[in-house]
Amino acid sequence: MTFTTIGYAFLGGLLPSFIWLYFLLKEDASHPEPRSLIALTFVAGMIAVPLAFPLEYYAKEHLNGSLSVITACALIEEVLKYLMVAIFILWRRAVDETPDYVIYMITVALGFAAAENMLFLITPISDGNFATGLFTGNVRFLGSTLLHVVASAAIGFALAFSTKYSPQGRVSAAALGLILAIALHTAFNMLIINQGASTALVAFFLVWVVAVIFFATFEVLKYFQYRNFSNNI
């Protein structure tokens, strides 16, 4: 493996996530988050990938049945992404508006997806299959990267809509968001693993429908948050 291969994989992994991150930050341009915290969250998401590997390997070695393994891997990844945001971001004063929870959860997901995409691109690029690498990158841009976004967004929405709840209520809401994230992640991966053209299309359709719903919900969340903010000035 050469530095050139690593460099191409690095850029190919980062580019899809940076495109999604650009659109996310444009959506919140009127009330931007500190760029340093966005960068920290993105890097934290990338760090979660090597942390997930030994846990997923353990699950694959000790669980029987594809559904059990896929669910366990989805649980590991979603919990790690949430923990990264909880440890490094959620306690900060900058997280002072309900859309912030969604933004930081999506950002950590994009960091995770970037590191994961790099690893998927190393093999085809090192074998000289740049066309395969490009196709893999495009597919992951439209599918797997967006999957990470919508899964983590589910947790972000749970946190955002429970800001007025009691501490116990917030824990319950976060747990429900995490369950939804794991369910979405598991459903997508189960459909992809079947490797049939029809099931792959169903998987992409599922994740894009959920994405459209979530993006619309994010606009509603911003409207009520920033309308109330303007009325209080």
Protein backbone atom coordinates (compact mmCIF):
# COMPACT_ATOMS: atom_id res chain seq x y z
CA MET A 1 0.00 0.00 0.00
CA THR A 2 1.52 3.31 -1.11
CA PHE A 3 1.03 6.84 0.17
CA THR A 4 -0.70 7.61 -3.12
CA THR A 5 -3.28 4.90 -2.44
CA ILE A 6 -3.83 6.19 1.07
CA GLY A 7 -4.11 9.73 -0.26
CA TYR A 8 -6.75 8.82 -2.85
CA ALA A 9 -8.70 6.80 -0.29
CA PHE A 10 -8.45 9.67 2.19
CA LEU A 11 -9.79 12.20 -0.31
CA GLY A 12 -12.41 9.80 -1.64
CA GLY A 13 -13.65 9.13 1.87
CA LEU A 14 -13.75 12.76 2.92
CA LEU A 15 -15.35 14.23 -0.19
CA PRO A 16 -18.86 12.70 0.17
CA SER A 17 -19.03 13.67 3.84
CA PHE A 18 -17.75 17.19 3.13
CA ILE A 19 -20.46 17.66 0.49
CA TRP A 20 -23.19 16.65 2.93
CA LEU A 21 -21.58 18.77 5.67
CA TYR A 22 -21.53 21.80 3.36
CA PHE A 23 -25.27 21.53 2.76
CA LEU A 24 -25.91 20.99 6.47
CA LEU A 25 -24.00 24.11 7.45
CA LYS A 26 -25.71 26.12 4.70
CA GLU A 27 -29.05 25.08 6.21
CA ASP A 28 -27.96 26.58 9.53
CA ALA A 29 -26.18 29.63 8.11
CA SER A 30 -28.45 32.09 9.93
CA HIS A 31 -27.41 30.69 13.33
CA PRO A 32 -24.03 29.05 12.69
CA GLU A 33 -22.28 26.79 15.14
CA PRO A 34 -18.62 27.40 16.11
CA ARG A 35 -16.45 25.95 13.36
CA SER A 36 -14.06 24.57 15.97
CA LEU A 37 -16.85 22.48 17.50
CA ILE A 38 -18.02 21.29 14.09
CA ALA A 39 -14.45 20.18 13.31
CA LEU A 40 -14.10 18.50 16.72
CA THR A 41 -17.38 16.64 16.22
CA PHE A 42 -16.36 15.49 12.74
CA VAL A 43 -13.00 14.20 13.98
CA ALA A 44 -14.69 12.50 16.93
CA GLY A 45 -16.88 10.65 14.46
CA MET A 46 -13.81 9.48 12.57
CA ILE A 47 -12.19 8.29 15.80
CA ALA A 48 -15.27 6.20 16.56
CA VAL A 49 -14.54 3.93 13.58
CA PRO A 50 -11.40 2.22 14.98
CA LEU A 51 -13.18 1.97 18.33
CA ALA A 52 -16.04 0.11 16.65
CA PHE A 53 -13.83 -2.46 14.91
CA PRO A 54 -12.87 -4.67 17.89
CA LEU A 55 -16.42 -4.55 19.25
CA GLU A 56 -17.89 -5.55 15.89
CA TYR A 57 -15.29 -8.30 15.52
CA TYR A 58 -16.28 -9.65 18.94
CA ALA A 59 -19.95 -9.58 17.93
CA LYS A 60 -19.24 -11.47 14.71
CA GLU A 61 -17.24 -14.09 16.60
CA HIS A 62 -19.79 -14.70 19.37
CA LEU A 63 -23.20 -14.19 17.76
CA ASN A 64 -25.04 -16.57 15.46
CA GLY A 65 -27.25 -15.51 12.58
CA SER A 66 -26.89 -12.60 10.22
CA LEU A 67 -29.68 -10.58 11.84
CA SER A 68 -28.05 -10.77 15.28
CA VAL A 69 -24.66 -9.73 13.92
CA ILE A 70 -26.06 -6.89 11.80
CA THR A 71 -28.16 -5.56 14.69
CA ALA A 72 -25.20 -5.74 17.06
CA CYS A 73 -22.98 -3.86 14.62
CA ALA A 74 -25.66 -1.22 14.10
CA LEU A 75 -26.03 -0.85 17.88
CA ILE A 76 -22.26 -0.49 18.34
CA GLU A 77 -21.93 2.19 15.67
CA GLU A 78 -24.96 4.23 16.74
CA VAL A 79 -24.05 4.10 20.44
CA LEU A 80 -20.45 5.12 19.72
CA LYS A 81 -21.54 8.07 17.57
CA TYR A 82 -23.90 9.25 20.29
CA LEU A 83 -21.27 8.80 23.03
CA MET A 84 -18.78 10.88 21.05
CA VAL A 85 -21.22 13.79 20.88
CA ALA A 86 -22.29 13.34 24.51
CA ILE A 87 -18.68 13.31 25.74
CA PHE A 88 -17.23 16.09 23.62
CA ILE A 89 -20.11 18.40 22.65
CA LEU A 90 -23.53 18.23 24.32
CA TRP A 91 -22.42 19.73 27.64
CA ARG A 92 -21.02 22.89 26.01
CA ARG A 93 -22.73 26.28 26.16
CA ALA A 94 -22.73 26.49 22.36
CA VAL A 95 -25.45 23.84 22.31
CA ASP A 96 -28.17 26.34 23.18
CA GLU A 97 -30.82 25.79 20.47
CA THR A 98 -32.87 22.73 19.60
CA PRO A 99 -31.54 22.41 16.01
CA ASP A 100 -28.02 22.18 17.44
CA TYR A 101 -28.63 18.61 18.62
CA VAL A 102 -29.50 17.52 15.10
CA ILE A 103 -26.55 19.39 13.58
CA TYR A 104 -23.96 17.84 15.89
CA MET A 105 -25.40 14.34 15.60
CA ILE A 106 -25.34 14.59 11.80
CA THR A 107 -21.80 15.98 11.88
CA VAL A 108 -20.48 13.09 13.99
CA ALA A 109 -22.22 10.71 11.57
CA LEU A 110 -20.48 12.34 8.61
CA GLY A 111 -17.12 11.97 10.33
CA PHE A 112 -17.84 8.30 10.98
CA ALA A 113 -18.94 7.77 7.38
CA ALA A 114 -15.81 9.52 6.07
CA ALA A 115 -13.46 7.18 7.94
CA GLU A 116 -15.56 4.15 6.98
CA ASN A 117 -15.58 5.18 3.31
CA MET A 118 -11.79 5.52 3.33
CA LEU A 119 -11.43 1.91 4.42
CA PHE A 120 -13.83 0.69 1.73
CA LEU A 121 -11.86 2.55 -0.95
CA ILE A 122 -8.37 1.32 -0.03
CA THR A 123 -8.75 -2.15 -1.57
CA PRO A 124 -10.06 -1.19 -5.05
CA ILE A 125 -7.65 1.74 -5.32
CA SER A 126 -4.62 -0.31 -4.22
CA ASP A 127 -5.60 -2.90 -6.86
CA GLY A 128 -5.63 -0.18 -9.51
CA ASN A 129 -9.40 -0.33 -9.95
CA PHE A 130 -10.08 3.40 -9.87
CA ALA A 131 -13.38 2.95 -11.72
CA THR A 132 -14.54 0.51 -9.03
CA GLY A 133 -13.37 2.91 -6.37
CA LEU A 134 -15.26 5.78 -7.98
CA PHE A 135 -18.41 3.65 -8.26
CA THR A 136 -18.05 2.56 -4.63
CA GLY A 137 -17.65 6.16 -3.52
CA ASN A 138 -20.74 7.28 -5.43
CA VAL A 139 -22.85 4.43 -4.08
CA ARG A 140 -21.75 5.13 -0.52
CA PHE A 141 -22.43 8.86 -1.04
CA LEU A 142 -26.02 8.08 -2.00
CA GLY A 143 -26.58 5.20 0.40
CA SER A 144 -24.33 4.41 3.35
CA THR A 145 -23.26 7.98 4.10
CA LEU A 146 -26.86 9.16 4.03
CA LEU A 147 -27.81 6.17 6.20
CA HIS A 148 -25.41 7.34 8.91
CA VAL A 149 -26.88 10.83 8.60
CA VAL A 150 -30.52 9.81 9.05
CA ALA A 151 -29.74 7.28 11.80
CA SER A 152 -27.86 9.81 13.91
CA ALA A 153 -30.41 12.50 13.05
CA ALA A 154 -33.06 10.32 14.71
CA ILE A 155 -31.16 10.65 17.99
CA GLY A 156 -30.68 14.37 17.40
CA PHE A 157 -34.41 14.88 16.89
CA ALA A 158 -35.18 12.88 20.03
CA LEU A 159 -32.89 15.18 22.02
CA ALA A 160 -34.21 18.32 20.29
CA PHE A 161 -37.90 17.61 20.90
CA SER A 162 -37.33 16.61 24.53
CA THR A 163 -35.53 19.73 25.74
CA LYS A 164 -38.50 20.68 27.96
CA TYR A 165 -38.76 17.20 29.48
CA SER A 166 -37.53 16.11 32.88
CA PRO A 167 -34.10 14.44 33.02
CA GLN A 168 -35.81 11.04 33.10
CA GLY A 169 -37.94 12.03 30.12
CA ARG A 170 -34.88 13.12 28.17
CA VAL A 171 -33.16 9.81 28.86
CA SER A 172 -36.26 7.97 27.62
CA ALA A 173 -36.43 10.15 24.50
CA ALA A 174 -32.74 9.56 23.76
CA ALA A 175 -33.27 5.81 24.19
CA LEU A 176 -36.19 5.87 21.74
CA GLY A 177 -34.12 7.86 19.25
CA LEU A 178 -31.30 5.35 19.60
CA ILE A 179 -33.68 2.44 19.04
CA LEU A 180 -35.01 4.10 15.87
CA ALA A 181 -31.45 4.74 14.66
CA ILE A 182 -30.49 1.10 15.21
CA ALA A 183 -33.67 -0.10 13.48
CA LEU A 184 -33.01 2.06 10.41
CA HIS A 185 -29.37 0.99 10.29
CA THR A 186 -30.26 -2.69 10.63
CA ALA A 187 -33.02 -2.57 8.02
CA PHE A 188 -30.75 -0.90 5.45
CA ASN A 189 -27.88 -3.32 5.99
CA MET A 190 -30.15 -6.37 5.86
CA LEU A 191 -31.49 -5.26 2.49
CA ILE A 192 -28.01 -4.47 1.13
CA ILE A 193 -26.52 -7.78 2.25
CA ASN A 194 -29.09 -9.69 0.19
CA GLN A 195 -27.23 -8.21 -2.82
CA GLY A 196 -30.21 -8.37 -5.12
CA ALA A 197 -30.89 -5.41 -7.37
CA SER A 198 -34.47 -5.09 -6.17
CA THR A 199 -33.57 -5.22 -2.47
CA ALA A 200 -30.77 -2.70 -2.98
CA LEU A 201 -33.26 -0.33 -4.62
CA VAL A 202 -35.63 -0.82 -1.69
CA ALA A 203 -32.79 0.00 0.70
CA PHE A 204 -31.93 3.21 -1.15
CA PHE A 205 -35.61 4.14 -1.41
CA LEU A 206 -36.04 3.58 2.34
CA VAL A 207 -33.10 5.74 3.34
CA TRP A 208 -34.03 8.56 0.94
CA VAL A 209 -37.68 8.61 2.08
CA VAL A 210 -36.56 8.85 5.69
CA ALA A 211 -34.04 11.54 4.71
CA VAL A 212 -36.72 13.67 3.04
CA ILE A 213 -38.95 13.33 6.11
CA PHE A 214 -36.09 14.25 8.43
CA PHE A 215 -34.99 17.24 6.34
CA ALA A 216 -38.58 18.53 6.36
CA THR A 217 -38.76 17.99 10.13
CA PHE A 218 -35.48 19.88 10.53
CA GLU A 219 -36.97 22.86 8.67
CA VAL A 220 -39.99 22.80 10.99
CA LEU A 221 -37.70 22.58 14.02
CA LYS A 222 -35.68 25.56 12.83
CA TYR A 223 -38.80 27.59 12.07
CA PHE A 224 -40.23 27.29 15.56
CA GLN A 225 -36.86 27.69 17.28
CA TYR A 226 -35.79 30.80 15.39
CA ARG A 227 -39.28 32.32 15.33
CA ASN A 228 -39.38 32.14 19.11
CA PHE A 229 -35.85 33.50 19.24
CA SER A 230 -36.83 36.51 17.12
CA ASN A 231 -39.95 37.15 19.20
CA ASN A 232 -37.87 37.23 22.37
CA ILE A 233 -35.46 39.88 21.09
